[in-house]
Structure formats: structure tokens, C-alpha cells
N, C-alpha and C. Protein backbone atom coordinates (compact mmCIF):
# COMPACT_ATOMS: atom_id res chain seq x y z
N UNK A 1 154.80 -50.78 -80.30
CA UNK A 1 155.26 -49.47 -79.85
C UNK A 1 154.13 -48.73 -79.13
N UNK A 2 152.93 -48.81 -79.64
CA UNK A 2 151.79 -48.15 -79.02
C UNK A 2 151.53 -48.72 -77.63
N UNK A 3 151.79 -50.00 -77.46
CA UNK A 3 151.58 -50.63 -76.16
C UNK A 3 152.57 -50.08 -75.14
N UNK A 4 153.81 -49.84 -75.55
CA UNK A 4 154.81 -49.28 -74.63
C UNK A 4 154.43 -47.86 -74.24
N UNK A 5 153.94 -47.07 -75.20
CA UNK A 5 153.53 -45.70 -74.90
C UNK A 5 152.37 -45.69 -73.92
N UNK A 6 151.41 -46.57 -74.14
CA UNK A 6 150.27 -46.65 -73.24
C UNK A 6 150.71 -47.09 -71.86
N UNK A 7 151.61 -48.07 -71.81
CA UNK A 7 152.13 -48.55 -70.53
C UNK A 7 152.89 -47.45 -69.79
N UNK A 8 153.69 -46.66 -70.54
CA UNK A 8 154.45 -45.57 -69.92
C UNK A 8 153.51 -44.50 -69.38
N UNK A 9 152.46 -44.18 -70.14
CA UNK A 9 151.50 -43.19 -69.67
C UNK A 9 150.75 -43.69 -68.44
N UNK A 10 150.40 -44.95 -68.44
CA UNK A 10 149.70 -45.52 -67.29
C UNK A 10 150.61 -45.51 -66.06
N UNK A 11 151.86 -45.84 -66.26
CA UNK A 11 152.82 -45.87 -65.15
C UNK A 11 153.03 -44.46 -64.59
N UNK A 12 153.12 -43.45 -65.47
CA UNK A 12 153.31 -42.08 -65.02
C UNK A 12 152.07 -41.61 -64.25
N UNK A 13 150.90 -41.95 -64.75
CA UNK A 13 149.67 -41.57 -64.07
C UNK A 13 149.60 -42.24 -62.70
N UNK A 14 150.06 -43.46 -62.61
CA UNK A 14 150.07 -44.18 -61.34
C UNK A 14 150.99 -43.50 -60.33
N UNK A 15 152.14 -43.00 -60.79
CA UNK A 15 153.08 -42.33 -59.88
C UNK A 15 152.52 -40.97 -59.44
N UNK A 16 151.78 -40.32 -60.31
CA UNK A 16 151.22 -39.03 -59.94
C UNK A 16 150.17 -39.18 -58.85
N UNK A 17 149.50 -40.30 -58.83
CA UNK A 17 148.52 -40.54 -57.78
C UNK A 17 149.18 -40.90 -56.46
N UNK A 18 150.41 -41.32 -56.49
CA UNK A 18 151.09 -41.76 -55.29
C UNK A 18 151.84 -40.63 -54.61
N UNK A 19 153.09 -40.88 -54.32
CA UNK A 19 153.92 -39.94 -53.56
C UNK A 19 154.14 -38.63 -54.30
N UNK A 20 154.31 -38.67 -55.63
CA UNK A 20 154.57 -37.44 -56.36
C UNK A 20 153.38 -36.49 -56.27
N UNK A 21 152.20 -37.01 -56.23
CA UNK A 21 151.03 -36.15 -56.08
C UNK A 21 151.06 -35.39 -54.77
N UNK A 22 151.45 -36.07 -53.70
CA UNK A 22 151.55 -35.43 -52.39
C UNK A 22 152.67 -34.40 -52.35
N UNK A 23 153.79 -34.73 -53.00
CA UNK A 23 154.93 -33.81 -53.04
C UNK A 23 154.54 -32.54 -53.79
N UNK A 24 153.89 -32.71 -54.94
CA UNK A 24 153.50 -31.53 -55.72
C UNK A 24 152.44 -30.71 -54.98
N UNK A 25 151.54 -31.35 -54.26
CA UNK A 25 150.54 -30.61 -53.48
C UNK A 25 151.22 -29.82 -52.37
N UNK A 26 152.22 -30.41 -51.71
CA UNK A 26 152.94 -29.71 -50.65
C UNK A 26 153.72 -28.52 -51.21
N UNK A 27 154.36 -28.70 -52.35
CA UNK A 27 155.11 -27.60 -52.98
C UNK A 27 154.16 -26.47 -53.36
N UNK A 28 153.00 -26.80 -53.88
CA UNK A 28 152.01 -25.77 -54.24
C UNK A 28 151.54 -25.01 -53.01
N UNK A 29 151.29 -25.72 -51.92
CA UNK A 29 150.86 -25.05 -50.69
C UNK A 29 151.95 -24.12 -50.16
N UNK A 30 153.20 -24.56 -50.21
CA UNK A 30 154.31 -23.71 -49.75
C UNK A 30 154.41 -22.48 -50.64
N UNK A 31 154.24 -22.64 -51.95
CA UNK A 31 154.32 -21.51 -52.86
C UNK A 31 153.20 -20.51 -52.58
N UNK A 32 151.99 -20.99 -52.35
CA UNK A 32 150.87 -20.10 -52.06
C UNK A 32 151.10 -19.36 -50.74
N UNK A 33 151.57 -20.07 -49.73
CA UNK A 33 151.85 -19.43 -48.44
C UNK A 33 152.96 -18.39 -48.56
N UNK A 34 153.98 -18.68 -49.39
CA UNK A 34 155.06 -17.71 -49.59
C UNK A 34 154.55 -16.45 -50.27
N UNK A 35 153.67 -16.60 -51.25
CA UNK A 35 153.11 -15.43 -51.94
C UNK A 35 152.26 -14.61 -50.98
N UNK A 36 151.45 -15.27 -50.17
CA UNK A 36 150.62 -14.55 -49.19
C UNK A 36 151.51 -13.82 -48.19
N UNK A 37 152.57 -14.46 -47.72
CA UNK A 37 153.48 -13.83 -46.77
C UNK A 37 154.16 -12.61 -47.39
N UNK A 38 154.55 -12.70 -48.65
CA UNK A 38 155.16 -11.55 -49.32
C UNK A 38 154.19 -10.39 -49.47
N UNK A 39 152.95 -10.69 -49.79
CA UNK A 39 151.95 -9.62 -49.92
C UNK A 39 151.71 -8.95 -48.57
N UNK A 40 151.59 -9.73 -47.50
CA UNK A 40 151.39 -9.17 -46.16
C UNK A 40 152.58 -8.32 -45.75
N UNK A 41 153.79 -8.81 -46.00
CA UNK A 41 155.00 -8.06 -45.66
C UNK A 41 155.03 -6.74 -46.43
N UNK A 42 154.71 -6.77 -47.72
CA UNK A 42 154.75 -5.57 -48.54
C UNK A 42 153.75 -4.53 -48.04
N UNK A 43 152.54 -4.98 -47.74
CA UNK A 43 151.51 -4.05 -47.26
C UNK A 43 151.91 -3.43 -45.93
N UNK A 44 152.43 -4.23 -45.04
CA UNK A 44 152.85 -3.70 -43.72
C UNK A 44 154.03 -2.75 -43.84
N UNK A 45 154.98 -3.06 -44.70
CA UNK A 45 156.16 -2.20 -44.82
C UNK A 45 155.82 -0.87 -45.47
N UNK A 46 154.89 -0.87 -46.41
CA UNK A 46 154.54 0.40 -47.04
C UNK A 46 153.60 1.24 -46.17
N UNK A 47 152.74 0.60 -45.40
CA UNK A 47 151.83 1.38 -44.56
C UNK A 47 152.49 1.86 -43.29
N UNK A 48 153.57 1.26 -42.86
CA UNK A 48 154.26 1.69 -41.63
C UNK A 48 154.90 3.06 -41.82
N UNK A 49 155.30 3.39 -43.03
CA UNK A 49 155.94 4.68 -43.25
C UNK A 49 154.93 5.83 -43.20
N UNK A 50 153.64 5.53 -43.33
CA UNK A 50 152.61 6.56 -43.30
C UNK A 50 151.90 6.62 -41.95
N UNK A 51 152.36 5.86 -41.00
CA UNK A 51 151.68 5.81 -39.69
C UNK A 51 151.92 7.12 -38.93
N UNK A 52 150.95 7.49 -38.14
CA UNK A 52 151.08 8.68 -37.31
C UNK A 52 151.79 8.30 -36.02
N UNK A 53 152.64 9.19 -35.50
CA UNK A 53 153.31 8.86 -34.24
C UNK A 53 152.30 8.78 -33.10
N UNK A 54 152.45 7.78 -32.31
CA UNK A 54 151.53 7.59 -31.19
C UNK A 54 152.01 8.34 -29.97
N UNK A 55 151.29 8.21 -28.88
CA UNK A 55 151.73 8.88 -27.66
C UNK A 55 153.06 8.30 -27.20
N UNK A 56 153.90 9.16 -26.72
CA UNK A 56 155.21 8.72 -26.26
C UNK A 56 156.25 8.71 -27.36
N UNK A 57 155.85 9.04 -28.59
CA UNK A 57 156.82 9.10 -29.68
C UNK A 57 157.71 10.32 -29.49
N UNK A 58 158.92 10.23 -29.99
CA UNK A 58 159.85 11.35 -29.86
C UNK A 58 159.35 12.50 -30.73
N UNK A 59 159.04 13.62 -30.07
CA UNK A 59 158.61 14.82 -30.79
C UNK A 59 159.55 15.96 -30.41
N UNK A 60 159.73 16.87 -31.35
CA UNK A 60 160.61 18.00 -31.10
C UNK A 60 159.93 19.02 -30.20
N UNK A 61 160.72 19.63 -29.34
CA UNK A 61 160.20 20.73 -28.54
C UNK A 61 160.23 22.00 -29.40
N UNK A 62 159.60 23.04 -28.91
CA UNK A 62 159.57 24.30 -29.66
C UNK A 62 160.98 24.86 -29.84
N UNK A 63 161.81 24.74 -28.82
CA UNK A 63 163.20 25.25 -28.92
C UNK A 63 164.00 24.44 -29.92
N UNK A 64 163.78 23.14 -29.95
CA UNK A 64 164.51 22.30 -30.91
C UNK A 64 164.11 22.66 -32.34
N UNK A 65 162.84 22.93 -32.55
CA UNK A 65 162.38 23.34 -33.88
C UNK A 65 163.00 24.68 -34.25
N UNK A 66 163.04 25.59 -33.30
CA UNK A 66 163.64 26.90 -33.53
C UNK A 66 165.13 26.76 -33.85
N UNK A 67 165.83 25.92 -33.09
CA UNK A 67 167.25 25.68 -33.36
C UNK A 67 167.46 25.10 -34.76
N UNK A 68 166.63 24.14 -35.14
CA UNK A 68 166.75 23.51 -36.45
C UNK A 68 166.48 24.52 -37.57
N UNK A 69 165.49 25.38 -37.38
CA UNK A 69 165.17 26.37 -38.40
C UNK A 69 166.29 27.39 -38.55
N UNK A 70 166.94 27.77 -37.45
CA UNK A 70 168.08 28.68 -37.53
C UNK A 70 169.25 27.99 -38.25
N UNK A 71 169.49 26.75 -37.91
CA UNK A 71 170.61 26.02 -38.52
C UNK A 71 170.40 25.81 -40.02
N UNK A 72 169.15 25.63 -40.43
CA UNK A 72 168.89 25.41 -41.86
C UNK A 72 168.79 26.71 -42.64
N UNK A 73 168.78 27.84 -41.94
CA UNK A 73 168.72 29.13 -42.62
C UNK A 73 167.32 29.61 -42.90
N UNK A 74 166.32 28.98 -42.32
CA UNK A 74 164.94 29.40 -42.53
C UNK A 74 164.65 30.73 -41.85
N UNK A 75 165.32 31.01 -40.73
CA UNK A 75 165.11 32.26 -40.01
C UNK A 75 166.47 32.90 -39.74
N UNK A 76 166.45 34.19 -39.52
CA UNK A 76 167.69 34.93 -39.24
C UNK A 76 167.99 34.84 -37.74
N UNK A 77 169.21 35.16 -37.37
CA UNK A 77 169.54 35.17 -35.93
C UNK A 77 168.67 36.14 -35.13
N UNK A 78 168.31 37.26 -35.73
CA UNK A 78 167.44 38.21 -35.01
C UNK A 78 166.07 37.58 -34.75
N UNK A 79 165.52 36.94 -35.77
CA UNK A 79 164.23 36.27 -35.58
C UNK A 79 164.34 35.17 -34.54
N UNK A 80 165.48 34.48 -34.57
CA UNK A 80 165.70 33.41 -33.59
C UNK A 80 165.64 33.97 -32.17
N UNK A 81 166.37 35.06 -31.91
CA UNK A 81 166.42 35.64 -30.55
C UNK A 81 165.04 36.15 -30.13
N UNK A 82 164.31 36.76 -31.05
CA UNK A 82 162.95 37.24 -30.71
C UNK A 82 162.04 36.09 -30.32
N UNK A 83 162.05 35.05 -31.11
CA UNK A 83 161.18 33.92 -30.84
C UNK A 83 161.62 33.13 -29.62
N UNK A 84 162.93 33.04 -29.38
CA UNK A 84 163.44 32.35 -28.19
C UNK A 84 163.01 33.10 -26.93
N UNK A 85 163.00 34.43 -27.00
CA UNK A 85 162.56 35.23 -25.87
C UNK A 85 161.08 34.99 -25.59
N UNK A 86 160.29 34.89 -26.64
CA UNK A 86 158.86 34.61 -26.46
C UNK A 86 158.66 33.26 -25.82
N UNK A 87 159.42 32.28 -26.28
CA UNK A 87 159.29 30.92 -25.72
C UNK A 87 159.76 30.87 -24.26
N UNK A 88 160.76 31.67 -23.95
CA UNK A 88 161.28 31.69 -22.57
C UNK A 88 160.24 32.24 -21.60
N UNK A 89 159.36 33.13 -22.07
CA UNK A 89 158.32 33.71 -21.21
C UNK A 89 157.24 32.72 -20.87
N UNK A 90 157.05 31.72 -21.71
CA UNK A 90 155.96 30.76 -21.50
C UNK A 90 156.29 29.74 -20.46
């Protein structure tokens, strides 16, 4: 019985040195590359939300900001008309 166990262990070790060793090495490399890709994706996706708008980015004009503030109730219609008149002079 001990001879069969030794033979089975030797046979398994022989297969690990052959094709199975290459397969397991390839699977490990794919797993490492997948983890690295996930880390890179995560870092880029979280840092993109904190990026500053570059030149040519859509920015609101002063009138659009004034319109938005009136619509949200931050300023009264009287304040809106006063500030719109100031902006019209510029």
C-alpha cells in the first residue's frame, strides 16, 4: 500500500512539472493582471469625479447662474431684476 501511495505522489508531482504547471502559472498571471486592472480602474474612476474642468468645459454664464438661483428660491424676483440690470450694463 505504501508503494502505491509513493507512486501516486510521484505521478502527481510529475504532472505538476508538465502541462499542469504551465496552466497554473498562466491562471496565476491572469489573476494578477485582473487584480491590477481592477485597482487601476478603481483609482481612475474615483479620481475622475474630483477633476477640475479644463478649458473648453461647459461653464455657466452669469445670467444662467442668476436664473438658476431665482428658480431655486435663493434670491427674490426683485434681487433678480437688480442683478440682471447690473449684468446687462457690462
